[in-house]
Amino acid sequence: MTKSMKTLAACGLFAAFAAGAGQAAAAADAYPNRPIRLIVGFAPGGSVDTVARLLAQRLGEALGQPVVIENRPGADSNIANEFVARADPDGYTLLLNTGALAINVSLYKHVRYDAIRDFVPISMVGKSNIVLVTGPGMPVKSYKELYEKLRANPGKFNYSSAGGPQLLAAELYKQRTGTDVVRISYKGGGPSINAVMSGEVQMSFSNIPTVMPHVKSGRLRILAVADDHRNPSIPDVPTFKEQGVDMNVSLWQGMFAPAGTPQPVIDKLYSAVTTVAKSEEFRKQMAAAGVDVVANTPAEFSQQVQAEVKQWAEVIRISGAAVD
């Protein structure tokens, strides 16, 4: 090939690259021009679904297009995670999930996605406390009463779990207290808590947004908060640490896009989340649900997810917890 031919070939490659970049930029500028699906890996009624619905309306207003919630529960959110990981990376299929995304890659033996490689973190949206609750199947009035019953009856009581941080909170509790409580798995926070209220199981590790309506109605009792400090929305409930158990496990909710989503689209989504996060009305609604609003950057959120993948892998290795 002559020098002039090489030059023409190089120019052609550059022109093709420039045209492709131009098309991508034009597509990003037009984004969004149709409704966006926000996939939730848990059944309606749980904390993730609650946050998703509070977020979706205001996010739609900020983006100028409807944001539609689509619940795809099952396998501790793995069904939803895999669905979004395989979706077109165009910004029209997004995921709202918890630390379950970082946990499941180690907890489950057969996961068909990579929590780091297959997703682009956009922003954390909120964070809430995990709490221990009991219902009619365990009519105790204090954590001390519960602990004494669990110690005296190893393997005879059940706890419900929607997976993810709630599951690891329960397993961590069992490690720290030497108790033996049997896990019963459910497809979301709502069904998990319904099982406690019906007496199907005796206790659950859940979160404030999911349990508060039922606590107010008297159908559930919160016995402990898994944090260093008491939660302002339930100031009379002591922490685990106050009651002799060293436990601090929080539940965050965050938004992800499939890997390969153009950076300008990610930037628009992050900008929309920060706009929503600044809304005083949104903050009030989230606080009423027991959730603190958090809007960190994609880079900050990515670092957190990567750190949690490593952290929970070690916890799971030590505990021996695994799901086929």
C-alpha atoms as a PDB file:
ATOM      1  CA  MET A   1       0.000   0.000   0.000  1.00  0.00           C
ATOM      2  CA  THR A   2       1.389   3.393  -0.976  1.00  0.00           C
ATOM      3  CA  LYS A   3       1.793   6.249   1.447  1.00  0.00           C
ATOM      4  CA  SER A   4      -1.100   8.135  -0.157  1.00  0.00           C
ATOM      5  CA  MET A   5      -3.352   5.066   0.071  1.00  0.00           C
ATOM      6  CA  LYS A   6      -2.474   4.651   3.780  1.00  0.00           C
ATOM      7  CA  THR A   7      -3.301   8.298   4.322  1.00  0.00           C
ATOM      8  CA  LEU A   8      -6.673   7.899   2.604  1.00  0.00           C
ATOM      9  CA  ALA A   9      -7.430   4.774   4.648  1.00  0.00           C
ATOM     10  CA  ALA A  10      -6.562   6.565   7.867  1.00  0.00           C
ATOM     11  CA  CYS A  11      -8.755   9.481   6.890  1.00  0.00           C
ATOM     12  CA  GLY A  12     -11.583   7.093   6.139  1.00  0.00           C
ATOM     13  CA  LEU A  13     -11.278   5.450   9.565  1.00  0.00           C
ATOM     14  CA  PHE A  14     -11.200   8.822  11.253  1.00  0.00           C
ATOM     15  CA  ALA A  15     -14.268   9.963   9.319  1.00  0.00           C
ATOM     16  CA  ALA A  16     -16.150   6.806  10.282  1.00  0.00           C
ATOM     17  CA  PHE A  17     -15.170   7.251  13.921  1.00  0.00           C
ATOM     18  CA  ALA A  18     -16.203  10.903  13.863  1.00  0.00           C
ATOM     19  CA  ALA A  19     -19.519  10.019  12.239  1.00  0.00           C
ATOM     20  CA  GLY A  20     -20.186   7.350  14.876  1.00  0.00           C
ATOM     21  CA  ALA A  21     -19.291   9.741  17.678  1.00  0.00           C
ATOM     22  CA  GLY A  22     -21.522  12.361  16.140  1.00  0.00           C
ATOM     23  CA  GLN A  23     -24.427   9.965  15.945  1.00  0.00           C
ATOM     24  CA  ALA A  24     -23.914   8.919  19.595  1.00  0.00           C
ATOM     25  CA  ALA A  25     -23.797  12.567  20.679  1.00  0.00           C
ATOM     26  CA  ALA A  26     -26.961  13.341  18.708  1.00  0.00           C
ATOM     27  CA  ALA A  27     -28.741  10.378  20.292  1.00  0.00           C
ATOM     28  CA  ALA A  28     -27.660  11.526  23.746  1.00  0.00           C
ATOM     29  CA  ASP A  29     -28.877  15.057  23.024  1.00  0.00           C
ATOM     30  CA  ALA A  30     -32.304  13.679  22.094  1.00  0.00           C
ATOM     31  CA  TYR A  31     -32.465  11.483  25.217  1.00  0.00           C
ATOM     32  CA  PRO A  32     -35.017  10.798  26.507  1.00  0.00           C
ATOM     33  CA  ASN A  33     -37.670  10.918  23.805  1.00  0.00           C
ATOM     34  CA  ARG A  34     -39.872   8.073  25.075  1.00  0.00           C
ATOM     35  CA  PRO A  35     -40.847   6.509  28.434  1.00  0.00           C
ATOM     36  CA  ILE A  36     -38.165   4.942  30.644  1.00  0.00           C
ATOM     37  CA  ARG A  37     -38.591   1.632  32.474  1.00  0.00           C
ATOM     38  CA  LEU A  38     -37.284   1.444  36.045  1.00  0.00           C
ATOM     39  CA  ILE A  39     -36.923  -2.237  36.941  1.00  0.00           C
ATOM     40  CA  VAL A  40     -37.433  -3.271  40.574  1.00  0.00           C
ATOM     41  CA  GLY A  41     -36.375  -6.764  41.591  1.00  0.00           C
ATOM     42  CA  PHE A  42     -38.825  -7.089  44.460  1.00  0.00           C
ATOM     43  CA  ALA A  43     -42.579  -7.362  44.846  1.00  0.00           C
ATOM     44  CA  PRO A  44     -44.732  -4.240  45.381  1.00  0.00           C
ATOM     45  CA  GLY A  45     -45.036  -3.068  48.968  1.00  0.00           C
ATOM     46  CA  GLY A  46     -41.404  -3.335  50.025  1.00  0.00           C
ATOM     47  CA  SER A  47     -38.904  -0.558  50.663  1.00  0.00           C
ATOM     48  CA  VAL A  48     -37.276  -0.655  47.216  1.00  0.00           C
ATOM     49  CA  ASP A  49     -40.664  -0.464  45.531  1.00  0.00           C
ATOM     50  CA  THR A  50     -41.672   2.409  47.835  1.00  0.00           C
ATOM     51  CA  VAL A  51     -38.541   4.399  46.999  1.00  0.00           C
ATOM     52  CA  ALA A  52     -38.914   3.586  43.299  1.00  0.00           C
ATOM     53  CA  ARG A  53     -42.435   4.986  43.201  1.00  0.00           C
ATOM     54  CA  LEU A  54     -41.477   8.131  45.093  1.00  0.00           C
ATOM     55  CA  LEU A  55     -38.534   8.607  42.738  1.00  0.00           C
ATOM     56  CA  ALA A  56     -40.228   7.741  39.443  1.00  0.00           C
ATOM     57  CA  GLN A  57     -42.743  10.578  39.355  1.00  0.00           C
ATOM     58  CA  ARG A  58     -40.225  13.308  40.109  1.00  0.00           C
ATOM     59  CA  LEU A  59     -37.545  11.758  37.910  1.00  0.00           C
ATOM     60  CA  GLY A  60     -40.028  11.766  35.046  1.00  0.00           C
ATOM     61  CA  GLU A  61     -40.723  15.438  35.644  1.00  0.00           C
ATOM     62  CA  ALA A  62     -36.998  16.231  35.626  1.00  0.00           C
ATOM     63  CA  LEU A  63     -36.396  14.256  32.409  1.00  0.00           C
ATOM     64  CA  GLY A  64     -39.586  15.269  30.600  1.00  0.00           C
ATOM     65  CA  GLN A  65     -40.689  11.666  29.999  1.00  0.00           C
ATOM     66  CA  PRO A  66     -42.673   9.165  32.110  1.00  0.00           C
ATOM     67  CA  VAL A  67     -40.657   6.769  34.281  1.00  0.00           C
ATOM     68  CA  VAL A  68     -42.624   3.534  34.581  1.00  0.00           C
ATOM     69  CA  ILE A  69     -42.044   1.048  37.432  1.00  0.00           C
ATOM     70  CA  GLU A  70     -41.786  -2.581  36.364  1.00  0.00           C
ATOM     71  CA  ASN A  71     -41.598  -5.162  39.181  1.00  0.00           C
ATOM     72  CA  ARG A  72     -39.685  -8.348  38.308  1.00  0.00           C
ATOM     73  CA  PRO A  73     -39.404 -10.135  41.665  1.00  0.00           C
ATOM     74  CA  GLY A  74     -37.621 -13.394  42.353  1.00  0.00           C
ATOM     75  CA  ALA A  75     -34.279 -14.905  43.405  1.00  0.00           C
ATOM     76  CA  ASP A  76     -33.417 -11.970  45.689  1.00  0.00           C
ATOM     77  CA  SER A  77     -33.528  -9.566  42.680  1.00  0.00           C
ATOM     78  CA  ASN A  78     -31.351 -11.761  40.417  1.00  0.00           C
ATOM     79  CA  ILE A  79     -34.125 -11.990  37.806  1.00  0.00           C
ATOM     80  CA  ALA A  80     -34.291  -8.199  37.537  1.00  0.00           C
ATOM     81  CA  ASN A  81     -30.510  -7.810  37.666  1.00  0.00           C
ATOM     82  CA  GLU A  82     -29.971 -10.223  34.785  1.00  0.00           C
ATOM     83  CA  PHE A  83     -32.784  -8.619  32.778  1.00  0.00           C
ATOM     84  CA  VAL A  84     -31.207  -5.164  33.016  1.00  0.00           C
ATOM     85  CA  ALA A  85     -27.691  -6.506  32.442  1.00  0.00           C
ATOM     86  CA  ARG A  86     -28.938  -7.904  29.095  1.00  0.00           C
ATOM     87  CA  ALA A  87     -30.992  -4.830  28.132  1.00  0.00           C
ATOM     88  CA  ASP A  88     -30.019  -2.393  25.377  1.00  0.00           C
ATOM     89  CA  PRO A  89     -27.609   0.192  26.835  1.00  0.00           C
ATOM     90  CA  ASP A  90     -29.663   3.147  25.657  1.00  0.00           C
ATOM     91  CA  GLY A  91     -30.892   4.594  28.965  1.00  0.00           C
ATOM     92  CA  TYR A  92     -34.468   3.360  28.577  1.00  0.00           C
ATOM     93  CA  THR A  93     -34.142   0.333  30.883  1.00  0.00           C
ATOM     94  CA  LEU A  94     -32.743   1.108  34.330  1.00  0.00           C
ATOM     95  CA  LEU A  95     -32.451  -0.781  37.608  1.00  0.00           C
ATOM     96  CA  LEU A  96     -33.244   0.338  41.142  1.00  0.00           C
ATOM     97  CA  ASN A  97     -31.702  -2.050  43.636  1.00  0.00           C
ATOM     98  CA  THR A  98     -30.015  -2.347  47.007  1.00  0.00           C
ATOM     99  CA  GLY A  99     -26.761  -3.861  48.216  1.00  0.00           C
ATOM    100  CA  ALA A 100     -28.303  -7.141  47.043  1.00  0.00           C
ATOM    101  CA  LEU A 101     -26.602  -6.456  43.712  1.00  0.00           C
ATOM    102  CA  ALA A 102     -23.198  -6.503  45.427  1.00  0.00           C
ATOM    103  CA  ILE A 103     -24.110  -9.427  47.693  1.00  0.00           C
ATOM    104  CA  ASN A 104     -25.720 -11.887  45.290  1.00  0.00           C
ATOM    105  CA  VAL A 105     -22.656 -12.433  43.117  1.00  0.00           C
ATOM    106  CA  SER A 106     -21.083 -14.199  46.121  1.00  0.00           C
ATOM    107  CA  LEU A 107     -24.214 -15.502  47.847  1.00  0.00           C
ATOM    108  CA  TYR A 108     -25.617 -17.340  44.808  1.00  0.00           C
ATOM    109  CA  LYS A 109     -23.652 -20.153  43.203  1.00  0.00           C
ATOM    110  CA  HIS A 110     -25.099 -19.578  39.728  1.00  0.00           C
ATOM    111  CA  VAL A 111     -25.400 -15.878  38.845  1.00  0.00           C
ATOM    112  CA  ARG A 112     -25.411 -14.890  35.173  1.00  0.00           C
ATOM    113  CA  TYR A 113     -24.213 -11.324  35.536  1.00  0.00           C
ATOM    114  CA  ASP A 114     -21.273  -9.445  37.012  1.00  0.00           C
ATOM    115  CA  ALA A 115     -22.149  -6.708  39.523  1.00  0.00           C
ATOM    116  CA  ILE A 116     -19.217  -4.551  38.426  1.00  0.00           C
ATOM    117  CA  ARG A 117     -18.705  -5.370  34.742  1.00  0.00           C
ATOM    118  CA  ASP A 118     -22.365  -5.436  33.610  1.00  0.00           C
ATOM    119  CA  PHE A 119     -23.696  -2.237  35.228  1.00  0.00           C
ATOM    120  CA  VAL A 120     -22.968   1.482  35.358  1.00  0.00           C
ATOM    121  CA  PRO A 121     -23.826   2.982  38.764  1.00  0.00           C
ATOM    122  CA  ILE A 122     -25.707   6.268  38.331  1.00  0.00           C
ATOM    123  CA  SER A 123     -26.335   7.397  41.899  1.00  0.00           C
ATOM    124  CA  MET A 124     -27.422   6.217  45.285  1.00  0.00           C
ATOM    125  CA  VAL A 125     -30.911   7.535  46.005  1.00  0.00           C
ATOM    126  CA  GLY A 126     -31.525   6.783  49.668  1.00  0.00           C
ATOM    127  CA  LYS A 127     -30.433   4.891  52.756  1.00  0.00           C
ATOM    128  CA  SER A 128     -32.430   3.418  55.643  1.00  0.00           C
ATOM    129  CA  ASN A 129     -31.886   1.348  58.764  1.00  0.00           C
ATOM    130  CA  ILE A 130     -32.400  -2.375  59.041  1.00  0.00           C
ATOM    131  CA  VAL A 131     -34.494  -3.338  62.066  1.00  0.00           C
ATOM    132  CA  LEU A 132     -35.532  -6.525  63.860  1.00  0.00           C
ATOM    133  CA  VAL A 133     -39.304  -6.958  64.048  1.00  0.00           C
ATOM    134  CA  THR A 134     -41.649  -9.532  65.552  1.00  0.00           C
ATOM    135  CA  GLY A 135     -45.345 -10.270  65.072  1.00  0.00           C
ATOM    136  CA  PRO A 136     -48.135 -12.361  66.589  1.00  0.00           C
ATOM    137  CA  GLY A 137     -46.097 -15.549  66.232  1.00  0.00           C
ATOM    138  CA  MET A 138     -43.595 -14.172  68.743  1.00  0.00           C
ATOM    139  CA  PRO A 139     -45.569 -12.044  71.259  1.00  0.00           C
ATOM    140  CA  VAL A 140     -42.600 -10.569  73.142  1.00  0.00           C
ATOM    141  CA  LYS A 141     -42.267  -6.972  74.308  1.00  0.00           C
ATOM    142  CA  SER A 142     -38.496  -6.597  74.367  1.00  0.00           C
ATOM    143  CA  TYR A 143     -35.354  -7.772  72.632  1.00  0.00           C
ATOM    144  CA  LYS A 144     -34.242  -9.478  75.862  1.00  0.00           C
ATOM    145  CA  GLU A 145     -37.377 -11.646  75.878  1.00  0.00           C
ATOM    146  CA  LEU A 146     -36.819 -12.585  72.238  1.00  0.00           C
ATOM    147  CA  TYR A 147     -33.163 -13.440  72.791  1.00  0.00           C
ATOM    148  CA  GLU A 148     -33.996 -15.684  75.746  1.00  0.00           C
ATOM    149  CA  LYS A 149     -36.580 -17.586  73.667  1.00  0.00           C
ATOM    150  CA  LEU A 150     -34.167 -18.025  70.755  1.00  0.00           C
ATOM    151  CA  ARG A 151     -31.380 -19.292  73.018  1.00  0.00           C
ATOM    152  CA  ALA A 152     -33.720 -21.737  74.743  1.00  0.00           C
ATOM    153  CA  ASN A 153     -35.188 -23.088  71.475  1.00  0.00           C
ATOM    154  CA  PRO A 154     -32.438 -23.506  68.835  1.00  0.00           C
ATOM    155  CA  GLY A 155     -33.773 -24.203  65.353  1.00  0.00           C
ATOM    156  CA  LYS A 156     -37.423 -23.967  66.404  1.00  0.00           C
ATOM    157  CA  PHE A 157     -38.176 -20.423  65.208  1.00  0.00           C
ATOM    158  CA  ASN A 158     -38.164 -18.951  61.692  1.00  0.00           C
ATOM    159  CA  TYR A 159     -37.301 -15.580  60.224  1.00  0.00           C
ATOM    160  CA  SER A 160     -38.473 -14.211  56.883  1.00  0.00           C
ATOM    161  CA  SER A 161     -36.057 -12.673  54.419  1.00  0.00           C
ATOM    162  CA  ALA A 162     -36.225 -10.945  51.041  1.00  0.00           C
ATOM    163  CA  GLY A 163     -32.486 -11.564  50.670  1.00  0.00           C
ATOM    164  CA  GLY A 164     -29.642  -9.107  50.227  1.00  0.00           C
ATOM    165  CA  PRO A 165     -28.658  -6.965  53.236  1.00  0.00           C
ATOM    166  CA  GLN A 166     -31.595  -8.279  55.283  1.00  0.00           C
ATOM    167  CA  LEU A 167     -30.352 -11.847  54.863  1.00  0.00           C
ATOM    168  CA  LEU A 168     -26.786 -10.962  55.794  1.00  0.00           C
ATOM    169  CA  ALA A 169     -28.036  -8.931  58.759  1.00  0.00           C
ATOM    170  CA  ALA A 170     -29.829 -12.061  59.997  1.00  0.00           C
ATOM    171  CA  GLU A 171     -26.799 -14.278  59.416  1.00  0.00           C
ATOM    172  CA  LEU A 172     -24.536 -11.739  61.111  1.00  0.00           C
ATOM    173  CA  TYR A 173     -26.947 -11.626  64.047  1.00  0.00           C
ATOM    174  CA  LYS A 174     -26.841 -15.409  64.359  1.00  0.00           C
ATOM    175  CA  GLN A 175     -23.026 -15.341  64.315  1.00  0.00           C
ATOM    176  CA  ARG A 176     -22.781 -12.600  66.935  1.00  0.00           C
ATOM    177  CA  THR A 177     -25.355 -14.116  69.324  1.00  0.00           C
ATOM    178  CA  GLY A 178     -24.884 -17.857  68.815  1.00  0.00           C
ATOM    179  CA  THR A 179     -28.585 -18.307  68.038  1.00  0.00           C
ATOM    180  CA  ASP A 180     -30.099 -20.720  65.522  1.00  0.00           C
ATOM    181  CA  VAL A 181     -33.063 -19.306  63.574  1.00  0.00           C
ATOM    182  CA  VAL A 182     -34.251 -20.856  60.300  1.00  0.00           C
ATOM    183  CA  ARG A 183     -34.563 -18.704  57.172  1.00  0.00           C
ATOM    184  CA  ILE A 184     -37.749 -18.701  55.082  1.00  0.00           C
ATOM    185  CA  SER A 185     -37.219 -16.881  51.764  1.00  0.00           C
ATOM    186  CA  TYR A 186     -39.749 -14.515  50.129  1.00  0.00           C
ATOM    187  CA  LYS A 187     -39.802 -12.562  46.858  1.00  0.00           C
ATOM    188  CA  GLY A 188     -39.806  -9.107  48.408  1.00  0.00           C
ATOM    189  CA  GLY A 189     -40.057  -7.023  51.549  1.00  0.00           C
ATOM    190  CA  GLY A 190     -43.858  -6.883  51.356  1.00  0.00           C
ATOM    191  CA  PRO A 191     -44.460 -10.661  51.286  1.00  0.00           C
ATOM    192  CA  SER A 192     -41.700 -11.144  53.857  1.00  0.00           C
ATOM    193  CA  ILE A 193     -43.401  -8.831  56.337  1.00  0.00           C
ATOM    194  CA  ASN A 194     -46.869 -10.226  55.563  1.00  0.00           C
ATOM    195  CA  ALA A 195     -45.534 -13.594  56.719  1.00  0.00           C
ATOM    196  CA  VAL A 196     -44.574 -12.086  60.088  1.00  0.00           C
ATOM    197  CA  MET A 197     -47.948 -10.407  60.518  1.00  0.00           C
ATOM    198  CA  SER A 198     -49.805 -13.630  59.698  1.00  0.00           C
ATOM    199  CA  GLY A 199     -47.735 -15.623  62.179  1.00  0.00           C
ATOM    200  CA  GLU A 200     -46.271 -17.785  59.405  1.00  0.00           C
ATOM    201  CA  VAL A 201     -42.832 -16.797  60.728  1.00  0.00           C
ATOM    202  CA  GLN A 202     -41.911 -15.296  64.067  1.00  0.00           C
ATOM    203  CA  MET A 203     -39.487 -12.510  63.169  1.00  0.00           C
ATOM    204  CA  SER A 204     -37.767 -10.663  60.361  1.00  0.00           C
ATOM    205  CA  PHE A 205     -34.853  -8.389  59.590  1.00  0.00           C
ATOM    206  CA  SER A 206     -36.412  -5.705  57.452  1.00  0.00           C
ATOM    207  CA  ASN A 207     -36.199  -1.936  57.054  1.00  0.00           C
ATOM    208  CA  ILE A 208     -38.092   1.047  58.333  1.00  0.00           C
ATOM    209  CA  PRO A 209     -39.994   1.966  55.109  1.00  0.00           C
ATOM    210  CA  THR A 210     -41.426  -1.542  54.858  1.00  0.00           C
ATOM    211  CA  VAL A 211     -42.433  -2.017  58.492  1.00  0.00           C
ATOM    212  CA  MET A 212     -43.517   1.424  59.715  1.00  0.00           C
ATOM    213  CA  PRO A 213     -47.163   1.341  58.516  1.00  0.00           C
ATOM    214  CA  HIS A 214     -47.633  -1.969  60.314  1.00  0.00           C
ATOM    215  CA  VAL A 215     -45.807  -0.807  63.427  1.00  0.00           C
ATOM    216  CA  LYS A 216     -48.158   2.174  63.617  1.00  0.00           C
ATOM    217  CA  SER A 217     -51.163  -0.133  63.256  1.00  0.00           C
ATOM    218  CA  GLY A 218     -49.857  -2.340  66.073  1.00  0.00           C
ATOM    219  CA  ARG A 219     -49.370  -5.442  63.930  1.00  0.00           C
ATOM    220  CA  LEU A 220     -45.569  -5.413  64.250  1.00  0.00           C
ATOM    221  CA  ARG A 221     -43.104  -4.491  66.985  1.00  0.00           C
ATOM    222  CA  ILE A 222     -39.580  -3.177  66.358  1.00  0.00           C
ATOM    223  CA  LEU A 223     -37.121  -4.524  68.937  1.00  0.00           C
ATOM    224  CA  ALA A 224     -33.745  -3.234  67.717  1.00  0.00           C
ATOM    225  CA  VAL A 225     -32.069  -0.988  65.134  1.00  0.00           C
ATOM    226  CA  ALA A 226     -28.890  -2.145  63.330  1.00  0.00           C
ATOM    227  CA  ASP A 227     -27.020   1.167  63.544  1.00  0.00           C
ATOM    228  CA  ASP A 228     -24.622   3.044  65.821  1.00  0.00           C
ATOM    229  CA  HIS A 229     -27.353   5.533  66.723  1.00  0.00           C
ATOM    230  CA  ARG A 230     -31.096   5.434  67.281  1.00  0.00           C
ATOM    231  CA  ASN A 231     -33.230   6.424  64.329  1.00  0.00           C
ATOM    232  CA  PRO A 232     -35.034   9.791  64.805  1.00  0.00           C
ATOM    233  CA  SER A 233     -38.265   8.357  63.404  1.00  0.00           C
ATOM    234  CA  ILE A 234     -38.325   5.665  66.143  1.00  0.00           C
ATOM    235  CA  PRO A 235     -36.364   7.275  69.003  1.00  0.00           C
ATOM    236  CA  ASP A 236     -37.705   4.901  71.655  1.00  0.00           C
ATOM    237  CA  VAL A 237     -36.248   1.813  69.946  1.00  0.00           C
ATOM    238  CA  PRO A 238     -32.713   0.978  71.159  1.00  0.00           C
ATOM    239  CA  THR A 239     -29.915  -0.132  68.850  1.00  0.00           C
ATOM    240  CA  PHE A 240     -28.478  -3.628  68.888  1.00  0.00           C
ATOM    241  CA  LYS A 241     -25.283  -2.195  70.392  1.00  0.00           C
ATOM    242  CA  GLU A 242     -27.229  -0.772  73.315  1.00  0.00           C
ATOM    243  CA  GLN A 243     -28.500  -4.297  73.896  1.00  0.00           C
ATOM    244  CA  GLY A 244     -25.141  -6.017  73.706  1.00  0.00           C
ATOM    245  CA  VAL A 245     -24.893  -7.001  70.014  1.00  0.00           C
ATOM    246  CA  ASP A 246     -22.347  -5.293  67.753  1.00  0.00           C
ATOM    247  CA  MET A 247     -24.323  -4.804  64.535  1.00  0.00           C
ATOM    248  CA  ASN A 248     -24.406  -1.979  62.015  1.00  0.00           C
ATOM    249  CA  VAL A 249     -26.068  -2.863  58.687  1.00  0.00           C
ATOM    250  CA  SER A 250     -27.820  -0.285  56.519  1.00  0.00           C
ATOM    251  CA  LEU A 251     -29.950  -0.653  53.403  1.00  0.00           C
ATOM    252  CA  TRP A 252     -29.302   1.674  50.480  1.00  0.00           C
ATOM    253  CA  GLN A 253     -31.269   2.090  47.271  1.00  0.00           C
ATOM    254  CA  GLY A 254     -29.453   3.069  44.095  1.00  0.00           C
ATOM    255  CA  MET A 255     -29.976   3.387  40.347  1.00  0.00           C
ATOM    256  CA  PHE A 256     -28.003   1.537  37.663  1.00  0.00           C
ATOM    257  CA  ALA A 257     -27.865   1.379  33.862  1.00  0.00           C
ATOM    258  CA  PRO A 258     -26.582  -1.472  31.658  1.00  0.00           C
ATOM    259  CA  ALA A 259     -22.867  -1.373  30.869  1.00  0.00           C
ATOM    260  CA  GLY A 260     -22.185   0.464  27.625  1.00  0.00           C
ATOM    261  CA  THR A 261     -24.762   3.186  28.227  1.00  0.00           C
ATOM    262  CA  PRO A 262     -23.309   6.400  26.711  1.00  0.00           C
ATOM    263  CA  GLN A 263     -21.715   8.728  29.236  1.00  0.00           C
ATOM    264  CA  PRO A 264     -23.863  11.722  28.182  1.00  0.00           C
ATOM    265  CA  VAL A 265     -26.964   9.649  29.042  1.00  0.00           C
ATOM    266  CA  ILE A 266     -25.490   8.697  32.429  1.00  0.00           C
ATOM    267  CA  ASP A 267     -24.731  12.381  33.035  1.00  0.00           C
ATOM    268  CA  LYS A 268     -28.331  13.351  32.237  1.00  0.00           C
ATOM    269  CA  LEU A 269     -29.708  10.696  34.564  1.00  0.00           C
ATOM    270  CA  TYR A 270     -27.380  11.710  37.392  1.00  0.00           C
ATOM    271  CA  SER A 271     -28.333  15.357  36.897  1.00  0.00           C
ATOM    272  CA  ALA A 272     -32.017  14.414  37.090  1.00  0.00           C
ATOM    273  CA  VAL A 273     -31.437  12.435  40.326  1.00  0.00           C
ATOM    274  CA  THR A 274     -29.666  15.403  41.930  1.00  0.00           C
ATOM    275  CA  THR A 275     -32.545  17.662  40.879  1.00  0.00           C
ATOM    276  CA  VAL A 276     -35.010  15.303  42.556  1.00  0.00           C
ATOM    277  CA  ALA A 277     -32.799  15.000  45.641  1.00  0.00           C
ATOM    278  CA  LYS A 278     -32.895  18.780  46.137  1.00  0.00           C
ATOM    279  CA  SER A 279     -36.696  18.788  46.285  1.00  0.00           C
ATOM    280  CA  GLU A 280     -37.860  19.534  49.813  1.00  0.00           C
ATOM    281  CA  GLU A 281     -41.131  17.715  49.180  1.00  0.00           C
ATOM    282  CA  PHE A 282     -39.282  14.597  47.991  1.00  0.00           C
ATOM    283  CA  ARG A 283     -37.074  14.679  51.084  1.00  0.00           C
ATOM    284  CA  LYS A 284     -40.139  14.928  53.302  1.00  0.00           C
ATOM    285  CA  GLN A 285     -41.804  12.004  51.535  1.00  0.00           C
ATOM    286  CA  MET A 286     -38.663   9.898  51.850  1.00  0.00           C
ATOM    287  CA  ALA A 287     -38.231  10.841  55.516  1.00  0.00           C
ATOM    288  CA  ALA A 288     -41.852   9.864  56.196  1.00  0.00           C
ATOM    289  CA  ALA A 289     -40.967   6.468  54.718  1.00  0.00           C
ATOM    290  CA  GLY A 290     -37.902   6.236  56.960  1.00  0.00           C
ATOM    291  CA  VAL A 291     -35.358   6.873  54.195  1.00  0.00           C
ATOM    292  CA  ASP A 292     -32.576   9.482  54.157  1.00  0.00           C
ATOM    293  CA  VAL A 293     -31.990  10.998  50.713  1.00  0.00           C
ATOM    294  CA  VAL A 294     -28.493  10.423  49.308  1.00  0.00           C
ATOM    295  CA  ALA A 295     -27.329  11.481  45.856  1.00  0.00           C
ATOM    296  CA  ASN A 296     -23.649  10.649  45.373  1.00  0.00           C
ATOM    297  CA  THR A 297     -21.831  10.860  42.041  1.00  0.00           C
ATOM    298  CA  PRO A 298     -21.486   7.940  39.622  1.00  0.00           C
ATOM    299  CA  ALA A 299     -17.792   7.681  40.538  1.00  0.00           C
ATOM    300  CA  GLU A 300     -18.514   7.663  44.282  1.00  0.00           C
ATOM    301  CA  PHE A 301     -21.314   5.145  43.894  1.00  0.00           C
ATOM    302  CA  SER A 302     -19.134   2.914  41.702  1.00  0.00           C
ATOM    303  CA  GLN A 303     -16.381   2.883  44.348  1.00  0.00           C
ATOM    304  CA  GLN A 304     -18.912   1.963  47.016  1.00  0.00           C
ATOM    305  CA  VAL A 305     -20.367  -0.919  45.000  1.00  0.00           C
ATOM    306  CA  GLN A 306     -16.894  -2.300  44.281  1.00  0.00           C
ATOM    307  CA  ALA A 307     -15.973  -2.085  47.971  1.00  0.00           C
ATOM    308  CA  GLU A 308     -19.186  -3.839  49.009  1.00  0.00           C
ATOM    309  CA  VAL A 309     -18.681  -6.672  46.530  1.00  0.00           C
ATOM    310  CA  LYS A 310     -15.386  -7.438  48.306  1.00  0.00           C
ATOM    311  CA  GLN A 311     -16.746  -6.849  51.813  1.00  0.00           C
ATOM    312  CA  TRP A 312     -19.803  -9.090  51.491  1.00  0.00           C
ATOM    313  CA  ALA A 313     -17.823 -11.807  49.709  1.00  0.00           C
ATOM    314  CA  GLU A 314     -15.714 -12.109  52.845  1.00  0.00           C
ATOM    315  CA  VAL A 315     -18.741 -12.114  55.174  1.00  0.00           C
ATOM    316  CA  ILE A 316     -20.408 -14.819  53.082  1.00  0.00           C
ATOM    317  CA  ARG A 317     -17.214 -16.886  52.995  1.00  0.00           C
ATOM    318  CA  ILE A 318     -16.926 -16.805  56.786  1.00  0.00           C
ATOM    319  CA  SER A 319     -20.622 -17.473  57.422  1.00  0.00           C
ATOM    320  CA  GLY A 320     -20.848 -20.265  54.866  1.00  0.00           C
ATOM    321  CA  ALA A 321     -24.140 -18.827  53.602  1.00  0.00           C
ATOM    322  CA  ALA A 322     -24.836 -19.908  50.029  1.00  0.00           C
ATOM    323  CA  VAL A 323     -27.846 -20.321  47.765  1.00  0.00           C
ATOM    324  CA  ASP A 324     -27.997 -22.752  44.816  1.00  0.00           C
END
